[in-house]
Amino acid sequence: MKATELRKITAEELHKQMMDLLREQFNLRMQRGSGQLSKPSQMKSVRRDIARIKTVMAELTVKS
């Protein structure tokens, strides 16, 4: 997901996506802890998606 795509989404939808990604990050951490994580690169992509959403949300608060 790109930042340009995220800027077109409403704040409520951004918040919902953030919660989904945080849940996914938690599940990936649990899989890593139990040795069941098949794609370690997925942790990196989820972490970066969370950072992108936080950046766009910060931009929205500054504009308001």
N, C-alpha and C. Protein backbone atom coordinates (compact mmCIF):
# COMPACT_ATOMS: atom_id res chain seq x y z
N MET A 1 0.85 -1.16 0.00
CA MET A 1 0.00 0.00 0.00
C MET A 1 0.90 1.23 0.00
N LYS A 2 0.57 2.17 -0.87
CA LYS A 2 1.40 3.36 -1.03
C LYS A 2 0.79 4.53 -0.29
N ALA A 3 1.63 5.51 0.03
CA ALA A 3 1.18 6.68 0.77
C ALA A 3 0.17 7.48 -0.04
N THR A 4 0.32 7.53 -1.35
CA THR A 4 -0.63 8.28 -2.18
C THR A 4 -2.01 7.65 -2.10
N GLU A 5 -2.08 6.33 -2.02
CA GLU A 5 -3.36 5.64 -1.87
C GLU A 5 -3.96 5.92 -0.49
N LEU A 6 -3.11 5.98 0.52
CA LEU A 6 -3.59 6.20 1.89
C LEU A 6 -4.14 7.61 2.06
N ARG A 7 -3.59 8.57 1.34
CA ARG A 7 -4.05 9.96 1.48
C ARG A 7 -5.47 10.16 0.96
N LYS A 8 -5.94 9.25 0.13
CA LYS A 8 -7.29 9.33 -0.43
C LYS A 8 -8.34 8.74 0.50
N ILE A 9 -7.90 8.07 1.55
CA ILE A 9 -8.80 7.36 2.47
C ILE A 9 -9.17 8.28 3.63
N THR A 10 -10.37 8.10 4.15
CA THR A 10 -10.82 8.91 5.29
C THR A 10 -10.08 8.50 6.56
N ALA A 11 -10.16 9.37 7.58
CA ALA A 11 -9.46 9.13 8.84
C ALA A 11 -9.99 7.87 9.54
N GLU A 12 -11.30 7.64 9.46
CA GLU A 12 -11.88 6.46 10.11
C GLU A 12 -11.37 5.17 9.47
N GLU A 13 -11.28 5.18 8.14
CA GLU A 13 -10.79 4.00 7.45
C GLU A 13 -9.30 3.78 7.73
N LEU A 14 -8.54 4.87 7.86
CA LEU A 14 -7.12 4.75 8.22
C LEU A 14 -6.99 4.12 9.60
N HIS A 15 -7.82 4.56 10.53
CA HIS A 15 -7.78 4.01 11.88
C HIS A 15 -8.11 2.51 11.87
N LYS A 16 -9.10 2.13 11.08
CA LYS A 16 -9.48 0.72 10.99
C LYS A 16 -8.34 -0.11 10.40
N GLN A 17 -7.70 0.41 9.35
CA GLN A 17 -6.57 -0.31 8.75
C GLN A 17 -5.42 -0.42 9.74
N MET A 18 -5.20 0.63 10.54
CA MET A 18 -4.14 0.60 11.54
C MET A 18 -4.40 -0.51 12.56
N MET A 19 -5.63 -0.61 13.02
CA MET A 19 -5.97 -1.65 13.99
C MET A 19 -5.78 -3.04 13.39
N ASP A 20 -6.17 -3.22 12.13
CA ASP A 20 -5.99 -4.51 11.47
C ASP A 20 -4.51 -4.86 11.35
N LEU A 21 -3.69 -3.88 11.00
CA LEU A 21 -2.26 -4.13 10.86
C LEU A 21 -1.60 -4.41 12.21
N LEU A 22 -2.04 -3.74 13.24
CA LEU A 22 -1.49 -4.01 14.57
C LEU A 22 -1.84 -5.42 15.03
N ARG A 23 -3.06 -5.85 14.72
CA ARG A 23 -3.44 -7.24 15.04
C ARG A 23 -2.59 -8.23 14.26
N GLU A 24 -2.39 -7.93 12.98
CA GLU A 24 -1.57 -8.81 12.16
C GLU A 24 -0.13 -8.85 12.67
N GLN A 25 0.39 -7.70 13.09
CA GLN A 25 1.75 -7.67 13.62
C GLN A 25 1.84 -8.52 14.89
N PHE A 26 0.84 -8.44 15.74
CA PHE A 26 0.83 -9.26 16.95
C PHE A 26 0.82 -10.74 16.60
N ASN A 27 -0.03 -11.12 15.65
CA ASN A 27 -0.10 -12.53 15.24
C ASN A 27 1.23 -13.00 14.65
N LEU A 28 1.89 -12.15 13.88
CA LEU A 28 3.19 -12.51 13.32
C LEU A 28 4.25 -12.67 14.41
N ARG A 29 4.18 -11.82 15.43
CA ARG A 29 5.13 -11.96 16.55
C ARG A 29 4.91 -13.27 17.29
N MET A 30 3.65 -13.65 17.45
CA MET A 30 3.35 -14.92 18.12
C MET A 30 3.84 -16.11 17.28
N GLN A 31 3.67 -16.01 15.96
CA GLN A 31 4.16 -17.07 15.08
C GLN A 31 5.67 -17.16 15.13
N ARG A 32 6.34 -16.00 15.17
CA ARG A 32 7.80 -16.01 15.23
C ARG A 32 8.26 -16.63 16.54
N GLY A 33 7.57 -16.32 17.62
CA GLY A 33 7.95 -16.85 18.93
C GLY A 33 7.79 -18.35 19.02
N SER A 34 6.80 -18.89 18.33
CA SER A 34 6.58 -20.33 18.37
C SER A 34 7.28 -21.07 17.24
N GLY A 35 7.99 -20.33 16.39
CA GLY A 35 8.75 -20.96 15.31
C GLY A 35 7.92 -21.34 14.10
N GLN A 36 6.75 -20.75 13.92
CA GLN A 36 5.88 -21.10 12.82
C GLN A 36 5.85 -20.05 11.72
N LEU A 37 6.64 -18.99 11.82
CA LEU A 37 6.62 -17.92 10.84
C LEU A 37 7.30 -18.38 9.56
N SER A 38 6.54 -18.40 8.46
CA SER A 38 7.09 -18.91 7.20
C SER A 38 7.76 -17.81 6.38
N LYS A 39 7.27 -16.57 6.49
CA LYS A 39 7.85 -15.45 5.73
C LYS A 39 8.32 -14.36 6.68
N PRO A 40 9.57 -14.37 7.08
CA PRO A 40 10.05 -13.32 7.99
C PRO A 40 9.98 -11.92 7.38
N SER A 41 10.00 -11.81 6.07
CA SER A 41 9.93 -10.50 5.42
C SER A 41 8.57 -9.85 5.61
N GLN A 42 7.58 -10.64 5.95
CA GLN A 42 6.24 -10.11 6.16
C GLN A 42 6.21 -9.18 7.38
N MET A 43 7.05 -9.46 8.38
CA MET A 43 7.14 -8.59 9.56
C MET A 43 7.57 -7.19 9.14
N LYS A 44 8.54 -7.12 8.26
CA LYS A 44 9.07 -5.84 7.80
C LYS A 44 8.02 -5.05 7.03
N SER A 45 7.29 -5.71 6.15
CA SER A 45 6.30 -5.01 5.34
C SER A 45 5.14 -4.50 6.20
N VAL A 46 4.72 -5.27 7.20
CA VAL A 46 3.64 -4.83 8.08
C VAL A 46 4.10 -3.64 8.91
N ARG A 47 5.33 -3.69 9.41
CA ARG A 47 5.87 -2.60 10.20
C ARG A 47 5.93 -1.30 9.39
N ARG A 48 6.34 -1.42 8.13
CA ARG A 48 6.43 -0.24 7.26
C ARG A 48 5.04 0.30 6.89
N ASP A 49 4.08 -0.60 6.70
CA ASP A 49 2.71 -0.16 6.41
C ASP A 49 2.14 0.62 7.59
N ILE A 50 2.43 0.15 8.81
CA ILE A 50 1.98 0.86 10.00
C ILE A 50 2.60 2.25 10.05
N ALA A 51 3.88 2.34 9.74
CA ALA A 51 4.56 3.63 9.75
C ALA A 51 3.97 4.57 8.70
N ARG A 52 3.64 4.04 7.53
CA ARG A 52 3.02 4.87 6.49
C ARG A 52 1.69 5.44 6.95
N ILE A 53 0.88 4.58 7.57
CA ILE A 53 -0.43 5.03 8.04
C ILE A 53 -0.28 6.08 9.13
N LYS A 54 0.67 5.88 10.05
CA LYS A 54 0.89 6.87 11.10
C LYS A 54 1.33 8.20 10.51
N THR A 55 2.15 8.17 9.47
CA THR A 55 2.60 9.39 8.83
C THR A 55 1.44 10.14 8.20
N VAL A 56 0.59 9.43 7.48
CA VAL A 56 -0.56 10.06 6.82
C VAL A 56 -1.53 10.60 7.87
N MET A 57 -1.73 9.87 8.96
CA MET A 57 -2.61 10.35 10.02
C MET A 57 -2.05 11.63 10.64
N ALA A 58 -0.75 11.70 10.81
CA ALA A 58 -0.13 12.91 11.35
C ALA A 58 -0.30 14.08 10.40
N GLU A 59 -0.20 13.81 9.10
CA GLU A 59 -0.41 14.87 8.11
C GLU A 59 -1.85 15.39 8.19
N LEU A 60 -2.80 14.50 8.41
CA LEU A 60 -4.19 14.91 8.50
C LEU A 60 -4.44 15.79 9.72
N THR A 61 -3.79 15.50 10.83
CA THR A 61 -3.99 16.30 12.04
C THR A 61 -3.35 17.68 11.89
N VAL A 62 -2.26 17.77 11.16
CA VAL A 62 -1.60 19.05 10.95
C VAL A 62 -2.45 19.93 10.04
N LYS A 63 -3.07 19.35 9.03
CA LYS A 63 -3.91 20.10 8.10
C LYS A 63 -5.17 20.64 8.77
N SER A 64 -5.67 19.93 9.76
CA SER A 64 -6.93 20.33 10.42
C SER A 64 -6.77 21.54 11.28
